[in-house]
Amino acid sequence: MLVANILEVKGTEVMTVRPTDTVRNVARRLVQENVGALVVSSGGSTLDGIISERDISRGVAMHGENVCTLRVSDIMTEGVVTCAPDDAISDTARMMTERRIRHIPVKDGTRIVGIISIGDILKYRLDEVMLETRVLRDIAMVINR
């Protein structure tokens, strides 16, 4: 199975913030959208970085309450690891686990076409395993008649 299969189910909306946005506004947006990370993009289609709950936690540890007034560019993760729609889900999950990444933008060439989380991968795999279980149960019932 491919990353594209997850995007078909999840959708391809990419929520972005600007590097000049304040951390306070981004934290509010994370809560409002019920997501754990947002793509940082100065132009709406470029990938300047990513900002996650983990980045904000690290910012609080380093800057205290002043983190809220910092700009996203001050605490975001740069040099973001990405995947492609035609990457295998198993390879992407392995890479995310090894690098301790919870959110990964999906790029098709230079375009950002989605973002997936380790939770999205888990949900997709769980649905897949449940379907396989039902099929095998049906086969077993037919054989045992």
Protein backbone atom coordinates (compact mmCIF):
# COMPACT_ATOMS: atom_id res chain seq x y z
CA MET A 1 0.00 0.00 0.00
CA LEU A 2 1.08 3.53 -0.75
CA VAL A 3 0.99 6.90 0.99
CA ALA A 4 -1.44 7.97 -1.76
CA ASN A 5 -3.96 5.46 -0.34
CA ILE A 6 -3.95 7.29 2.99
CA LEU A 7 -4.39 10.64 1.24
CA GLU A 8 -7.39 9.25 -0.67
CA VAL A 9 -9.10 8.55 2.66
CA LYS A 10 -7.79 11.49 4.68
CA GLY A 11 -7.80 14.14 1.99
CA THR A 12 -5.10 16.41 0.67
CA GLU A 13 -5.79 19.65 2.53
CA VAL A 14 -2.54 21.15 3.78
CA MET A 15 -2.95 23.69 6.56
CA THR A 16 -0.14 26.22 6.55
CA VAL A 17 1.16 29.03 8.72
CA ARG A 18 3.66 31.75 7.89
CA PRO A 19 7.14 31.92 9.43
CA THR A 20 6.21 35.37 10.77
CA ASP A 21 3.12 34.17 12.66
CA THR A 22 3.40 34.15 16.44
CA VAL A 23 3.71 30.91 18.35
CA ARG A 24 0.61 31.93 20.36
CA ASN A 25 -1.51 32.11 17.19
CA VAL A 26 -0.14 28.81 15.92
CA ALA A 27 -0.87 27.10 19.25
CA ARG A 28 -4.46 28.36 19.02
CA ARG A 29 -4.74 27.10 15.46
CA LEU A 30 -3.44 23.65 16.41
CA VAL A 31 -6.19 23.46 19.04
CA GLN A 32 -8.91 24.83 16.72
CA GLU A 33 -8.03 22.45 13.90
CA ASN A 34 -7.38 19.51 16.27
CA VAL A 35 -4.07 18.71 14.60
CA GLY A 36 -0.57 18.17 15.95
CA ALA A 37 1.45 19.98 13.29
CA LEU A 38 1.20 22.62 10.59
CA VAL A 39 3.33 23.20 7.51
CA VAL A 40 5.28 26.46 7.60
CA SER A 41 5.19 28.19 4.24
CA SER A 42 6.05 31.74 3.32
CA GLY A 43 4.23 31.48 -0.01
CA GLY A 44 1.51 28.94 0.66
CA SER A 45 3.05 26.24 -1.52
CA THR A 46 6.69 26.16 -0.41
CA LEU A 47 7.96 24.07 2.48
CA ASP A 48 9.95 26.29 4.82
CA GLY A 49 9.51 24.00 7.81
CA ILE A 50 6.99 22.38 10.10
CA ILE A 51 5.79 23.40 13.54
CA SER A 52 4.40 20.82 15.91
CA GLU A 53 3.25 20.48 19.47
CA ARG A 54 6.70 19.09 20.20
CA ASP A 55 8.37 22.24 18.82
CA ILE A 56 6.16 24.39 21.05
CA SER A 57 6.95 22.24 24.10
CA ARG A 58 10.65 22.57 23.35
CA GLY A 59 10.16 26.32 22.96
CA VAL A 60 8.49 26.55 26.37
CA ALA A 61 11.38 24.62 27.94
CA MET A 62 13.93 26.97 26.36
CA HIS A 63 12.12 30.33 26.47
CA GLY A 64 9.47 29.98 29.16
CA GLU A 65 6.28 31.98 28.79
CA ASN A 66 8.03 34.28 26.30
CA VAL A 67 7.66 31.55 23.68
CA CYS A 68 4.17 32.85 22.87
CA THR A 69 5.57 36.09 21.49
CA LEU A 70 8.23 34.43 19.33
CA ARG A 71 7.78 33.94 15.62
CA VAL A 72 7.20 30.49 14.17
CA SER A 73 10.56 30.72 12.40
CA ASP A 74 12.26 30.94 15.81
CA ILE A 75 11.20 27.46 16.91
CA MET A 76 10.03 25.53 13.81
CA THR A 77 11.75 22.42 12.53
CA GLU A 78 13.69 23.13 9.35
CA GLY A 79 15.13 20.61 6.90
CA VAL A 80 11.88 18.68 7.04
CA VAL A 81 11.84 15.03 6.07
CA THR A 82 9.16 14.37 3.44
CA CYS A 83 7.65 11.41 1.66
CA ALA A 84 6.01 10.99 -1.75
CA PRO A 85 2.55 9.68 -2.69
CA ASP A 86 4.11 6.61 -4.30
CA ASP A 87 6.17 5.68 -1.22
CA ALA A 88 5.19 2.46 0.53
CA ILE A 89 3.32 2.99 3.79
CA SER A 90 5.55 0.44 5.51
CA ASP A 91 8.72 2.30 4.47
CA THR A 92 7.26 5.64 5.56
CA ALA A 93 6.17 4.22 8.93
CA ARG A 94 9.61 2.71 9.48
CA MET A 95 11.34 5.99 8.65
CA MET A 96 9.01 7.96 10.93
CA THR A 97 9.59 5.53 13.78
CA GLU A 98 13.36 5.48 13.36
CA ARG A 99 13.58 9.29 13.21
CA ARG A 100 10.91 9.80 15.89
CA ILE A 101 8.77 11.89 13.53
CA ARG A 102 5.03 12.07 14.13
CA HIS A 103 4.03 14.21 11.11
CA ILE A 104 5.43 14.16 7.60
CA PRO A 105 4.55 16.34 4.62
CA VAL A 106 3.84 14.54 1.35
CA LYS A 107 5.46 16.08 -1.72
CA ASP A 108 4.83 15.29 -5.36
CA GLY A 109 7.85 16.84 -7.03
CA THR A 110 8.02 20.32 -5.57
CA ARG A 111 4.33 20.54 -4.58
CA ILE A 112 3.09 19.76 -1.08
CA VAL A 113 0.11 17.47 -1.66
CA GLY A 114 -0.70 16.44 1.90
CA ILE A 115 0.55 15.71 5.38
CA ILE A 116 0.18 12.44 7.25
CA SER A 117 0.73 11.47 10.85
CA ILE A 118 1.85 8.25 12.44
CA GLY A 119 -1.77 8.04 13.69
CA ASP A 120 -3.05 8.18 10.10
CA ILE A 121 -0.75 5.29 9.22
CA LEU A 122 -1.87 3.30 12.25
CA LYS A 123 -5.56 3.85 11.43
CA TYR A 124 -5.05 2.83 7.80
CA ARG A 125 -3.15 -0.34 8.79
CA LEU A 126 -5.73 -1.21 11.45
CA ASP A 127 -8.56 -0.89 8.90
CA GLU A 128 -6.54 -3.03 6.50
CA VAL A 129 -5.94 -5.75 9.12
CA MET A 130 -9.61 -5.76 10.13
CA LEU A 131 -10.64 -6.25 6.49
CA GLU A 132 -8.13 -9.10 6.09
CA THR A 133 -9.49 -10.72 9.25
CA ARG A 134 -13.09 -10.54 7.97
CA VAL A 135 -12.08 -12.03 4.60
CA LEU A 136 -10.15 -14.87 6.24
CA ARG A 137 -13.07 -15.55 8.61
CA ASP A 138 -15.45 -15.73 5.62
CA ILE A 139 -13.10 -18.09 3.79
CA ALA A 140 -12.82 -20.30 6.87
CA MET A 141 -16.61 -20.45 7.20
CA VAL A 142 -16.98 -21.55 3.57
CA ILE A 143 -14.26 -24.20 3.90
CA ASN A 144 -15.70 -25.60 7.13
CA ARG A 145 -19.23 -26.11 5.73
